[in-house]
Amino acid sequence: MDFFDTVKRRRMVRNYSAEPVEKAALERILEAARRAPSAGFSQGQAMVVVTDDAGRSKIAALAGEDEYVANGMDPWISRAPVHVVVCVSKQTYFDRYAAPDKTGRVNTDADWPVPYWWVDGGATMMVLLLASVAEGLAAGFLGSHRMPELKTAFGIPDDMDPLGVVTIGHAAEDRRSGSLARGWKPQSDVVHREQW
């Protein structure tokens, strides 16, 4: 699929069929996400892939799927055959930028006016979403206000922080977000040339 078609087709899917994701397709998606950019080539991103029913149900509970269902949505989180918990390590960036070929000093939060570990985690998330579409699959992203419990449930090390979960599978009919009625902003509102 052409890259620009992939971008145009990408949307946050909120329901999945029971059809499994082909293992080879999943491996290609994960390999693409492994290559997402990272500041200083720190590679501070990691992923926990959850495909078993119990693990997916646990993520659904921690993400408040019951609330979605009570509001008329499908149980899309637990139905997705693949969940990818995207994680980042701030310490990995601190260590990388303390290296002699970078700043060569110990880093603190004050040295990072933009915490690029979160930026790079977002890049990993976007590669997962786009690669899923390129494979003819659907994907969505969900956050959780219960990240410490997510870390504990899946044995995520202390130095890694989850930023959310990408669901992957074959799309089923879903209720589209009411937010989509707003439409895309015109390019002139978003793109400023030479200066604002």
N, C-alpha and C. Protein backbone atom coordinates (compact mmCIF):
# COMPACT_ATOMS: atom_id res chain seq x y z
N MET A 1 0.85 -1.18 0.00
CA MET A 1 0.00 0.00 0.00
C MET A 1 0.90 1.24 0.00
N ASP A 2 0.53 2.22 -0.78
CA ASP A 2 1.25 3.49 -0.83
C ASP A 2 1.23 4.15 0.55
N PHE A 3 2.35 4.78 0.93
CA PHE A 3 2.46 5.40 2.24
C PHE A 3 1.35 6.42 2.49
N PHE A 4 1.06 7.27 1.52
CA PHE A 4 0.06 8.32 1.72
C PHE A 4 -1.34 7.73 1.85
N ASP A 5 -1.61 6.63 1.15
CA ASP A 5 -2.88 5.93 1.34
C ASP A 5 -2.96 5.33 2.74
N THR A 6 -1.85 4.80 3.21
CA THR A 6 -1.80 4.24 4.57
C THR A 6 -2.15 5.31 5.59
N VAL A 7 -1.55 6.48 5.45
CA VAL A 7 -1.82 7.58 6.39
C VAL A 7 -3.29 7.98 6.32
N LYS A 8 -3.84 8.08 5.12
CA LYS A 8 -5.25 8.48 4.97
C LYS A 8 -6.21 7.44 5.54
N ARG A 9 -5.85 6.17 5.45
CA ARG A 9 -6.72 5.09 5.95
C ARG A 9 -6.63 4.90 7.46
N ARG A 10 -5.55 5.37 8.07
CA ARG A 10 -5.36 5.14 9.50
C ARG A 10 -6.43 5.87 10.30
N ARG A 11 -7.04 5.15 11.20
CA ARG A 11 -7.98 5.73 12.16
C ARG A 11 -7.97 4.86 13.40
N MET A 12 -8.47 5.37 14.48
CA MET A 12 -8.53 4.60 15.72
C MET A 12 -9.75 3.69 15.68
N VAL A 13 -9.51 2.40 15.51
CA VAL A 13 -10.58 1.41 15.41
C VAL A 13 -11.00 1.01 16.82
N ARG A 14 -12.30 0.89 17.01
CA ARG A 14 -12.86 0.58 18.32
C ARG A 14 -13.70 -0.69 18.34
N ASN A 15 -13.41 -1.62 17.40
CA ASN A 15 -14.03 -2.94 17.45
C ASN A 15 -13.26 -3.86 16.51
N TYR A 16 -13.16 -5.12 16.90
CA TYR A 16 -12.38 -6.10 16.14
C TYR A 16 -13.15 -7.39 15.98
N SER A 17 -12.89 -8.08 14.88
CA SER A 17 -13.48 -9.40 14.66
C SER A 17 -12.65 -10.43 15.45
N ALA A 18 -13.14 -11.66 15.45
CA ALA A 18 -12.43 -12.74 16.15
C ALA A 18 -11.29 -13.32 15.32
N GLU A 19 -11.15 -12.86 14.07
CA GLU A 19 -10.11 -13.39 13.20
C GLU A 19 -8.73 -13.09 13.78
N PRO A 20 -7.87 -14.10 13.89
CA PRO A 20 -6.54 -13.85 14.47
C PRO A 20 -5.64 -13.05 13.52
N VAL A 21 -4.63 -12.44 14.09
CA VAL A 21 -3.62 -11.72 13.32
C VAL A 21 -2.54 -12.72 12.92
N GLU A 22 -2.23 -12.74 11.65
CA GLU A 22 -1.20 -13.65 11.15
C GLU A 22 0.13 -13.33 11.84
N LYS A 23 0.81 -14.37 12.31
CA LYS A 23 2.05 -14.20 13.06
C LYS A 23 3.10 -13.43 12.25
N ALA A 24 3.24 -13.74 10.97
CA ALA A 24 4.25 -13.05 10.14
C ALA A 24 3.94 -11.57 10.01
N ALA A 25 2.64 -11.23 9.89
CA ALA A 25 2.25 -9.82 9.80
C ALA A 25 2.59 -9.09 11.11
N LEU A 26 2.29 -9.74 12.24
CA LEU A 26 2.61 -9.13 13.53
C LEU A 26 4.11 -8.91 13.66
N GLU A 27 4.91 -9.86 13.25
CA GLU A 27 6.36 -9.71 13.34
C GLU A 27 6.86 -8.55 12.49
N ARG A 28 6.28 -8.36 11.29
CA ARG A 28 6.67 -7.23 10.45
C ARG A 28 6.28 -5.91 11.10
N ILE A 29 5.12 -5.87 11.73
CA ILE A 29 4.67 -4.65 12.42
C ILE A 29 5.63 -4.32 13.57
N LEU A 30 5.97 -5.32 14.37
CA LEU A 30 6.86 -5.11 15.51
C LEU A 30 8.26 -4.71 15.06
N GLU A 31 8.73 -5.30 13.97
CA GLU A 31 10.05 -4.95 13.45
C GLU A 31 10.07 -3.50 12.96
N ALA A 32 9.00 -3.09 12.31
CA ALA A 32 8.91 -1.69 11.88
C ALA A 32 8.93 -0.76 13.09
N ALA A 33 8.16 -1.09 14.13
CA ALA A 33 8.10 -0.25 15.33
C ALA A 33 9.44 -0.20 16.06
N ARG A 34 10.18 -1.30 16.01
CA ARG A 34 11.51 -1.33 16.64
C ARG A 34 12.43 -0.29 16.01
N ARG A 35 12.16 0.07 14.78
CA ARG A 35 12.99 1.02 14.04
C ARG A 35 12.50 2.46 14.14
N ALA A 36 11.55 2.72 15.01
CA ALA A 36 11.07 4.09 15.20
C ALA A 36 12.24 4.97 15.67
N PRO A 37 12.22 6.25 15.33
CA PRO A 37 13.33 7.12 15.71
C PRO A 37 13.44 7.30 17.22
N SER A 38 14.67 7.62 17.65
CA SER A 38 14.89 7.96 19.06
C SER A 38 16.02 8.97 19.15
N ALA A 39 15.85 9.93 20.05
CA ALA A 39 16.85 10.99 20.23
C ALA A 39 18.20 10.37 20.57
N GLY A 40 19.22 10.81 19.86
CA GLY A 40 20.56 10.30 20.11
C GLY A 40 20.70 8.81 19.84
N PHE A 41 19.76 8.25 19.10
CA PHE A 41 19.70 6.81 18.87
C PHE A 41 19.77 6.07 20.21
N SER A 42 19.07 6.65 21.19
CA SER A 42 19.05 6.08 22.54
C SER A 42 18.34 4.73 22.58
N GLN A 43 17.34 4.57 21.74
CA GLN A 43 16.55 3.34 21.68
C GLN A 43 15.96 2.98 23.04
N GLY A 44 15.35 3.97 23.65
CA GLY A 44 14.76 3.78 24.97
C GLY A 44 13.33 3.29 24.96
N GLN A 45 12.85 2.85 23.79
CA GLN A 45 11.49 2.34 23.70
C GLN A 45 11.51 0.81 23.81
N ALA A 46 10.43 0.27 24.33
CA ALA A 46 10.26 -1.18 24.41
C ALA A 46 8.77 -1.48 24.29
N MET A 47 8.45 -2.73 23.96
CA MET A 47 7.05 -3.12 23.78
C MET A 47 6.79 -4.44 24.48
N VAL A 48 5.63 -4.55 25.09
CA VAL A 48 5.17 -5.81 25.65
C VAL A 48 3.99 -6.24 24.79
N VAL A 49 4.12 -7.38 24.12
CA VAL A 49 3.08 -7.88 23.23
C VAL A 49 2.23 -8.88 24.01
N VAL A 50 0.94 -8.63 24.07
CA VAL A 50 0.02 -9.47 24.83
C VAL A 50 -1.03 -10.03 23.86
N THR A 51 -1.07 -11.36 23.75
CA THR A 51 -2.03 -12.00 22.85
C THR A 51 -2.94 -13.00 23.56
N ASP A 52 -2.62 -13.39 24.78
CA ASP A 52 -3.47 -14.38 25.44
C ASP A 52 -4.71 -13.70 26.02
N ASP A 53 -5.78 -14.47 26.11
CA ASP A 53 -7.07 -13.94 26.57
C ASP A 53 -6.99 -13.29 27.95
N ALA A 54 -6.31 -13.97 28.88
CA ALA A 54 -6.24 -13.45 30.25
C ALA A 54 -5.53 -12.11 30.29
N GLY A 55 -4.42 -11.98 29.58
CA GLY A 55 -3.69 -10.72 29.57
C GLY A 55 -4.48 -9.60 28.93
N ARG A 56 -5.15 -9.89 27.82
CA ARG A 56 -5.95 -8.88 27.14
C ARG A 56 -7.13 -8.45 28.02
N SER A 57 -7.72 -9.39 28.72
CA SER A 57 -8.82 -9.07 29.63
C SER A 57 -8.34 -8.19 30.78
N LYS A 58 -7.13 -8.48 31.24
CA LYS A 58 -6.55 -7.68 32.32
C LYS A 58 -6.34 -6.23 31.86
N ILE A 59 -5.80 -6.06 30.64
CA ILE A 59 -5.62 -4.71 30.10
C ILE A 59 -6.96 -4.02 29.94
N ALA A 60 -7.96 -4.74 29.44
CA ALA A 60 -9.30 -4.16 29.26
C ALA A 60 -9.86 -3.66 30.59
N ALA A 61 -9.68 -4.45 31.64
CA ALA A 61 -10.18 -4.05 32.96
C ALA A 61 -9.44 -2.81 33.46
N LEU A 62 -8.10 -2.79 33.30
CA LEU A 62 -7.32 -1.65 33.76
C LEU A 62 -7.61 -0.39 32.96
N ALA A 63 -8.05 -0.56 31.72
CA ALA A 63 -8.37 0.59 30.86
C ALA A 63 -9.83 1.02 30.98
N GLY A 64 -10.59 0.35 31.82
CA GLY A 64 -11.98 0.74 32.04
C GLY A 64 -12.93 0.35 30.92
N GLU A 65 -12.70 -0.82 30.33
CA GLU A 65 -13.58 -1.24 29.23
C GLU A 65 -15.04 -1.31 29.66
N ASP A 66 -15.30 -1.69 30.89
CA ASP A 66 -16.69 -1.76 31.37
C ASP A 66 -17.40 -0.42 31.19
N GLU A 67 -16.66 0.66 31.41
CA GLU A 67 -17.22 2.00 31.23
C GLU A 67 -17.55 2.27 29.76
N TYR A 68 -16.66 1.86 28.85
CA TYR A 68 -16.93 2.00 27.42
C TYR A 68 -18.21 1.26 27.04
N VAL A 69 -18.32 0.02 27.51
CA VAL A 69 -19.48 -0.80 27.18
C VAL A 69 -20.75 -0.17 27.75
N ALA A 70 -20.68 0.33 28.96
CA ALA A 70 -21.84 0.99 29.58
C ALA A 70 -22.27 2.22 28.79
N ASN A 71 -21.35 2.82 28.06
CA ASN A 71 -21.66 4.00 27.24
C ASN A 71 -22.02 3.63 25.80
N GLY A 72 -22.28 2.35 25.55
CA GLY A 72 -22.74 1.92 24.24
C GLY A 72 -21.67 1.50 23.26
N MET A 73 -20.42 1.45 23.69
CA MET A 73 -19.34 1.00 22.81
C MET A 73 -19.23 -0.52 22.88
N ASP A 74 -18.59 -1.09 21.88
CA ASP A 74 -18.33 -2.52 21.89
C ASP A 74 -17.17 -2.81 22.85
N PRO A 75 -17.04 -4.05 23.34
CA PRO A 75 -15.90 -4.41 24.19
C PRO A 75 -14.64 -4.59 23.34
N TRP A 76 -14.25 -3.51 22.70
CA TRP A 76 -13.20 -3.54 21.69
C TRP A 76 -11.82 -3.83 22.24
N ILE A 77 -11.57 -3.47 23.48
CA ILE A 77 -10.23 -3.69 24.02
C ILE A 77 -9.98 -5.19 24.18
N SER A 78 -10.88 -5.86 24.87
CA SER A 78 -10.68 -7.29 25.09
C SER A 78 -10.83 -8.10 23.81
N ARG A 79 -11.55 -7.59 22.82
CA ARG A 79 -11.72 -8.30 21.55
C ARG A 79 -10.49 -8.23 20.66
N ALA A 80 -9.70 -7.19 20.78
CA ALA A 80 -8.52 -7.06 19.92
C ALA A 80 -7.59 -8.23 20.18
N PRO A 81 -7.19 -8.97 19.15
CA PRO A 81 -6.36 -10.15 19.38
C PRO A 81 -4.93 -9.85 19.78
N VAL A 82 -4.48 -8.61 19.53
CA VAL A 82 -3.12 -8.23 19.89
C VAL A 82 -3.15 -6.90 20.63
N HIS A 83 -2.46 -6.87 21.75
CA HIS A 83 -2.23 -5.62 22.48
C HIS A 83 -0.73 -5.40 22.56
N VAL A 84 -0.30 -4.19 22.28
CA VAL A 84 1.12 -3.86 22.42
C VAL A 84 1.22 -2.71 23.41
N VAL A 85 1.82 -2.98 24.56
CA VAL A 85 2.04 -1.96 25.57
C VAL A 85 3.35 -1.25 25.20
N VAL A 86 3.25 0.02 24.85
CA VAL A 86 4.43 0.80 24.46
C VAL A 86 5.03 1.42 25.72
N CYS A 87 6.34 1.21 25.90
CA CYS A 87 7.03 1.69 27.09
C CYS A 87 8.25 2.51 26.70
N VAL A 88 8.65 3.40 27.61
CA VAL A 88 9.87 4.19 27.41
C VAL A 88 10.67 4.22 28.71
N SER A 89 11.98 4.45 28.54
CA SER A 89 12.87 4.55 29.69
C SER A 89 13.58 5.90 29.68
N LYS A 90 13.20 6.77 30.59
CA LYS A 90 13.86 8.07 30.72
C LYS A 90 15.35 7.87 31.03
N GLN A 91 15.65 6.90 31.88
CA GLN A 91 17.04 6.67 32.28
C GLN A 91 17.93 6.32 31.10
N THR A 92 17.38 5.59 30.14
CA THR A 92 18.15 5.25 28.94
C THR A 92 18.61 6.51 28.22
N TYR A 93 17.77 7.52 28.17
CA TYR A 93 18.13 8.79 27.53
C TYR A 93 19.17 9.54 28.36
N PHE A 94 18.97 9.54 29.68
CA PHE A 94 19.96 10.17 30.55
C PHE A 94 21.33 9.52 30.36
N ASP A 95 21.35 8.19 30.34
CA ASP A 95 22.61 7.47 30.18
C ASP A 95 23.24 7.76 28.82
N ARG A 96 22.43 7.76 27.78
CA ARG A 96 22.96 8.00 26.43
C ARG A 96 23.57 9.39 26.32
N TYR A 97 22.88 10.39 26.85
CA TYR A 97 23.37 11.77 26.73
C TYR A 97 24.49 12.09 27.71
N ALA A 98 24.77 11.18 28.64
CA ALA A 98 25.94 11.32 29.51
C ALA A 98 27.19 10.77 28.84
N ALA A 99 27.01 10.09 27.71
CA ALA A 99 28.15 9.50 26.98
C ALA A 99 29.03 10.60 26.38
N PRO A 100 30.32 10.33 26.23
CA PRO A 100 31.26 11.34 25.73
C PRO A 100 30.90 11.91 24.36
N ASP A 101 30.28 11.11 23.49
CA ASP A 101 29.92 11.63 22.16
C ASP A 101 28.65 12.48 22.18
N LYS A 102 28.03 12.62 23.34
CA LYS A 102 26.87 13.50 23.50
C LYS A 102 27.28 14.64 24.44
N THR A 103 26.49 14.92 25.45
CA THR A 103 26.83 16.04 26.33
C THR A 103 27.96 15.69 27.29
N GLY A 104 28.11 14.40 27.59
CA GLY A 104 29.16 13.97 28.50
C GLY A 104 28.90 14.31 29.95
N ARG A 105 27.69 14.69 30.28
CA ARG A 105 27.40 15.03 31.68
C ARG A 105 26.19 14.24 32.16
N VAL A 106 26.05 14.14 33.44
CA VAL A 106 24.88 13.47 34.00
C VAL A 106 23.68 14.37 33.74
N ASN A 107 22.58 13.78 33.35
CA ASN A 107 21.38 14.52 33.00
C ASN A 107 20.39 14.57 34.15
N THR A 108 19.61 15.61 34.15
CA THR A 108 18.48 15.75 35.08
C THR A 108 17.27 16.16 34.25
N ASP A 109 16.12 16.14 34.85
CA ASP A 109 14.91 16.58 34.14
C ASP A 109 15.06 18.01 33.62
N ALA A 110 15.77 18.85 34.35
CA ALA A 110 15.95 20.25 33.94
C ALA A 110 16.72 20.38 32.64
N ASP A 111 17.55 19.38 32.30
CA ASP A 111 18.31 19.41 31.05
C ASP A 111 17.45 19.07 29.84
N TRP A 112 16.21 18.68 30.06
CA TRP A 112 15.34 18.22 28.98
C TRP A 112 14.06 19.04 28.96
N PRO A 113 14.07 20.22 28.35
CA PRO A 113 12.83 21.02 28.31
C PRO A 113 11.72 20.29 27.55
N VAL A 114 12.09 19.41 26.64
CA VAL A 114 11.15 18.50 25.99
C VAL A 114 11.60 17.08 26.33
N PRO A 115 10.78 16.31 27.02
CA PRO A 115 11.17 14.94 27.38
C PRO A 115 11.05 14.02 26.16
N TYR A 116 12.13 13.90 25.41
CA TYR A 116 12.09 13.19 24.14
C TYR A 116 11.77 11.72 24.26
N TRP A 117 11.88 11.12 25.43
CA TRP A 117 11.49 9.72 25.58
C TRP A 117 10.01 9.56 25.29
N TRP A 118 9.19 10.56 25.68
CA TRP A 118 7.76 10.49 25.37
C TRP A 118 7.51 10.73 23.88
N VAL A 119 8.27 11.65 23.29
CA VAL A 119 8.16 11.90 21.85
C VAL A 119 8.47 10.62 21.09
N ASP A 120 9.56 9.97 21.45
CA ASP A 120 9.98 8.75 20.77
C ASP A 120 9.00 7.61 21.01
N GLY A 121 8.42 7.54 22.20
CA GLY A 121 7.37 6.56 22.46
C GLY A 121 6.17 6.79 21.55
N GLY A 122 5.84 8.08 21.33
CA GLY A 122 4.76 8.41 20.40
C GLY A 122 5.10 8.00 18.98
N ALA A 123 6.37 8.13 18.61
CA ALA A 123 6.80 7.69 17.28
C ALA A 123 6.64 6.18 17.15
N THR A 124 6.99 5.45 18.19
CA THR A 124 6.82 4.00 18.18
C THR A 124 5.34 3.65 18.02
N MET A 125 4.50 4.35 18.77
CA MET A 125 3.06 4.13 18.68
C MET A 125 2.57 4.38 17.25
N MET A 126 3.01 5.49 16.64
CA MET A 126 2.53 5.81 15.30
C MET A 126 3.02 4.78 14.27
N VAL A 127 4.24 4.30 14.42
CA VAL A 127 4.71 3.26 13.50
C VAL A 127 3.85 2.00 13.66
N LEU A 128 3.51 1.62 14.88
CA LEU A 128 2.63 0.47 15.09
C LEU A 128 1.29 0.66 14.38
N LEU A 129 0.71 1.85 14.52
CA LEU A 129 -0.58 2.13 13.89
C LEU A 129 -0.49 2.07 12.37
N LEU A 130 0.51 2.74 11.81
CA LEU A 130 0.65 2.78 10.35
C LEU A 130 1.04 1.42 9.77
N ALA A 131 1.94 0.72 10.44
CA ALA A 131 2.35 -0.60 9.94
C ALA A 131 1.17 -1.57 9.97
N SER A 132 0.31 -1.44 10.96
CA SER A 132 -0.88 -2.30 11.03
C SER A 132 -1.77 -2.05 9.81
N VAL A 133 -2.00 -0.79 9.48
CA VAL A 133 -2.82 -0.46 8.31
C VAL A 133 -2.14 -0.97 7.04
N ALA A 134 -0.83 -0.80 6.94
CA ALA A 134 -0.09 -1.28 5.76
C ALA A 134 -0.23 -2.79 5.60
N GLU A 135 -0.44 -3.51 6.70
CA GLU A 135 -0.64 -4.97 6.66
C GLU A 135 -2.09 -5.35 6.41
N GLY A 136 -2.95 -4.35 6.18
CA GLY A 136 -4.36 -4.64 5.95
C GLY A 136 -5.14 -4.89 7.23
N LEU A 137 -4.57 -4.47 8.35
CA LEU A 137 -5.21 -4.64 9.66
C LEU A 137 -5.73 -3.30 10.16
N ALA A 138 -6.32 -3.33 11.32
CA ALA A 138 -6.81 -2.13 11.99
C ALA A 138 -6.09 -1.99 13.32
N ALA A 139 -6.06 -0.79 13.83
CA ALA A 139 -5.38 -0.56 15.11
C ALA A 139 -6.02 0.63 15.82
N GLY A 140 -5.81 0.69 17.10
CA GLY A 140 -6.28 1.80 17.91
C GLY A 140 -5.31 2.03 19.05
N PHE A 141 -5.46 3.14 19.71
CA PHE A 141 -4.60 3.45 20.86
C PHE A 141 -5.48 3.76 22.05
N LEU A 142 -5.07 3.29 23.20
CA LEU A 142 -5.79 3.61 24.42
C LEU A 142 -4.81 3.90 25.54
N GLY A 143 -5.21 4.80 26.38
CA GLY A 143 -4.43 5.11 27.57
C GLY A 143 -5.10 4.46 28.77
N SER A 144 -4.48 4.62 29.89
CA SER A 144 -5.04 4.09 31.13
C SER A 144 -4.57 4.98 32.26
N HIS A 145 -5.47 5.25 33.18
CA HIS A 145 -5.08 6.03 34.36
C HIS A 145 -4.50 5.13 35.44
N ARG A 146 -4.30 3.87 35.09
CA ARG A 146 -3.82 2.88 36.06
C ARG A 146 -2.50 2.28 35.60
N MET A 147 -1.58 3.15 35.16
CA MET A 147 -0.30 2.69 34.63
C MET A 147 0.52 1.89 35.66
N PRO A 148 0.57 2.29 36.94
CA PRO A 148 1.34 1.47 37.90
C PRO A 148 0.83 0.04 37.96
N GLU A 149 -0.48 -0.15 37.89
CA GLU A 149 -1.04 -1.51 37.91
C GLU A 149 -0.70 -2.26 36.62
N LEU A 150 -0.67 -1.54 35.49
CA LEU A 150 -0.27 -2.14 34.22
C LEU A 150 1.17 -2.63 34.29
N LYS A 151 2.05 -1.80 34.88
CA LYS A 151 3.45 -2.19 35.05
C LYS A 151 3.56 -3.47 35.86
N THR A 152 2.86 -3.52 36.97
CA THR A 152 2.92 -4.67 37.85
C THR A 152 2.36 -5.92 37.17
N ALA A 153 1.22 -5.76 36.50
CA ALA A 153 0.54 -6.90 35.89
C ALA A 153 1.40 -7.59 34.83
N PHE A 154 2.25 -6.83 34.14
CA PHE A 154 3.03 -7.41 33.04
C PHE A 154 4.53 -7.41 33.30
N GLY A 155 4.92 -7.22 34.56
CA GLY A 155 6.33 -7.34 34.93
C GLY A 155 7.22 -6.32 34.26
N ILE A 156 6.69 -5.13 33.99
CA ILE A 156 7.48 -4.09 33.34
C ILE A 156 8.48 -3.54 34.36
N PRO A 157 9.77 -3.51 34.00
CA PRO A 157 10.79 -3.08 34.96
C PRO A 157 10.58 -1.65 35.47
N ASP A 158 11.13 -1.37 36.63
CA ASP A 158 10.97 -0.06 37.26
C ASP A 158 11.44 1.09 36.39
N ASP A 159 12.50 0.87 35.57
CA ASP A 159 13.04 1.97 34.77
C ASP A 159 12.26 2.20 33.48
N MET A 160 11.23 1.41 33.22
CA MET A 160 10.39 1.57 32.04
C MET A 160 9.02 2.09 32.45
N ASP A 161 8.47 3.00 31.65
CA ASP A 161 7.13 3.53 31.91
C ASP A 161 6.24 3.30 30.71
N PRO A 162 5.09 2.64 30.91
CA PRO A 162 4.17 2.47 29.79
C PRO A 162 3.49 3.80 29.47
N LEU A 163 3.25 4.05 28.17
CA LEU A 163 2.53 5.27 27.80
C LEU A 163 1.13 4.95 27.28
N GLY A 164 0.87 3.69 27.01
CA GLY A 164 -0.45 3.28 26.56
C GLY A 164 -0.37 1.97 25.81
N VAL A 165 -1.49 1.61 25.18
CA VAL A 165 -1.61 0.32 24.53
C VAL A 165 -2.13 0.52 23.11
N VAL A 166 -1.49 -0.15 22.16
CA VAL A 166 -1.98 -0.20 20.78
C VAL A 166 -2.68 -1.54 20.60
N THR A 167 -3.94 -1.49 20.17
CA THR A 167 -4.69 -2.69 19.86
C THR A 167 -4.59 -2.95 18.36
N ILE A 168 -4.45 -4.21 17.99
CA ILE A 168 -4.28 -4.58 16.58
C ILE A 168 -5.17 -5.78 16.27
N GLY A 169 -5.82 -5.74 15.13
CA GLY A 169 -6.64 -6.86 14.70
C GLY A 169 -7.33 -6.56 13.39
N HIS A 170 -8.33 -7.37 13.06
CA HIS A 170 -9.15 -7.15 11.87
C HIS A 170 -10.37 -6.35 12.29
N ALA A 171 -10.62 -5.27 11.60
CA ALA A 171 -11.72 -4.36 11.98
C ALA A 171 -13.07 -5.05 11.86
N ALA A 172 -13.91 -4.77 12.83
CA ALA A 172 -15.33 -5.14 12.77
C ALA A 172 -16.09 -3.81 12.73
N GLU A 173 -17.35 -3.89 12.40
CA GLU A 173 -18.15 -2.66 12.38
C GLU A 173 -18.09 -2.02 13.76
N ASP A 174 -17.84 -0.72 13.78
CA ASP A 174 -17.75 -0.03 15.07
C ASP A 174 -18.49 1.29 15.01
N ARG A 175 -18.72 1.83 16.18
CA ARG A 175 -19.34 3.15 16.31
C ARG A 175 -18.23 4.17 16.23
N ARG A 176 -18.26 4.97 15.20
CA ARG A 176 -17.21 5.97 15.02
C ARG A 176 -17.36 7.07 16.05
N SER A 177 -16.24 7.65 16.41
CA SER A 177 -16.22 8.73 17.40
C SER A 177 -17.02 9.92 16.90
N GLY A 178 -17.80 10.50 17.79
CA GLY A 178 -18.53 11.72 17.47
C GLY A 178 -17.61 12.88 17.17
N SER A 179 -16.38 12.79 17.64
CA SER A 179 -15.40 13.86 17.40
C SER A 179 -15.09 14.01 15.92
N LEU A 180 -15.27 12.94 15.13
CA LEU A 180 -14.96 12.99 13.71
C LEU A 180 -15.85 13.96 12.95
N ALA A 181 -17.02 14.27 13.50
CA ALA A 181 -17.92 15.22 12.84
C ALA A 181 -17.28 16.60 12.69
N ARG A 182 -16.29 16.87 13.51
CA ARG A 182 -15.60 18.16 13.44
C ARG A 182 -14.80 18.29 12.15
N GLY A 183 -14.40 17.15 11.58
CA GLY A 183 -13.61 17.17 10.34
C GLY A 183 -12.18 17.63 10.60
N TRP A 184 -11.38 17.48 9.57
CA TRP A 184 -9.98 17.91 9.66
C TRP A 184 -9.89 19.42 9.54
N LYS A 185 -9.03 20.03 10.32
CA LYS A 185 -8.77 21.46 10.17
C LYS A 185 -8.17 21.70 8.79
N PRO A 186 -8.45 22.85 8.19
CA PRO A 186 -7.81 23.13 6.89
C PRO A 186 -6.30 23.29 7.07
N GLN A 187 -5.57 22.95 6.02
CA GLN A 187 -4.11 23.05 6.09
C GLN A 187 -3.66 24.45 6.51
N SER A 188 -4.38 25.46 6.07
CA SER A 188 -3.98 26.85 6.40
C SER A 188 -4.03 27.13 7.90
N ASP A 189 -4.81 26.35 8.65
CA ASP A 189 -4.86 26.51 10.11
C ASP A 189 -3.72 25.77 10.81
N VAL A 190 -3.11 24.83 10.11
CA VAL A 190 -2.13 23.96 10.73
C VAL A 190 -0.71 24.23 10.24
N VAL A 191 -0.57 24.53 8.98
CA VAL A 191 0.75 24.71 8.37
C VAL A 191 1.01 26.19 8.20
N HIS A 192 2.09 26.66 8.80
CA HIS A 192 2.49 28.08 8.71
C HIS A 192 3.84 28.12 8.02
N ARG A 193 3.93 28.87 6.97
CA ARG A 193 5.15 28.90 6.15
C ARG A 193 5.99 30.12 6.46
N GLU A 194 7.25 29.87 6.68
CA GLU A 194 8.27 30.88 6.99
C GLU A 194 8.13 31.46 8.40
N GLN A 195 6.93 31.78 8.83
CA GLN A 195 6.66 32.18 10.21
C GLN A 195 5.18 32.07 10.47
N TRP A 196 4.79 32.18 11.73
CA TRP A 196 3.39 32.02 12.10
C TRP A 196 2.62 33.17 11.50
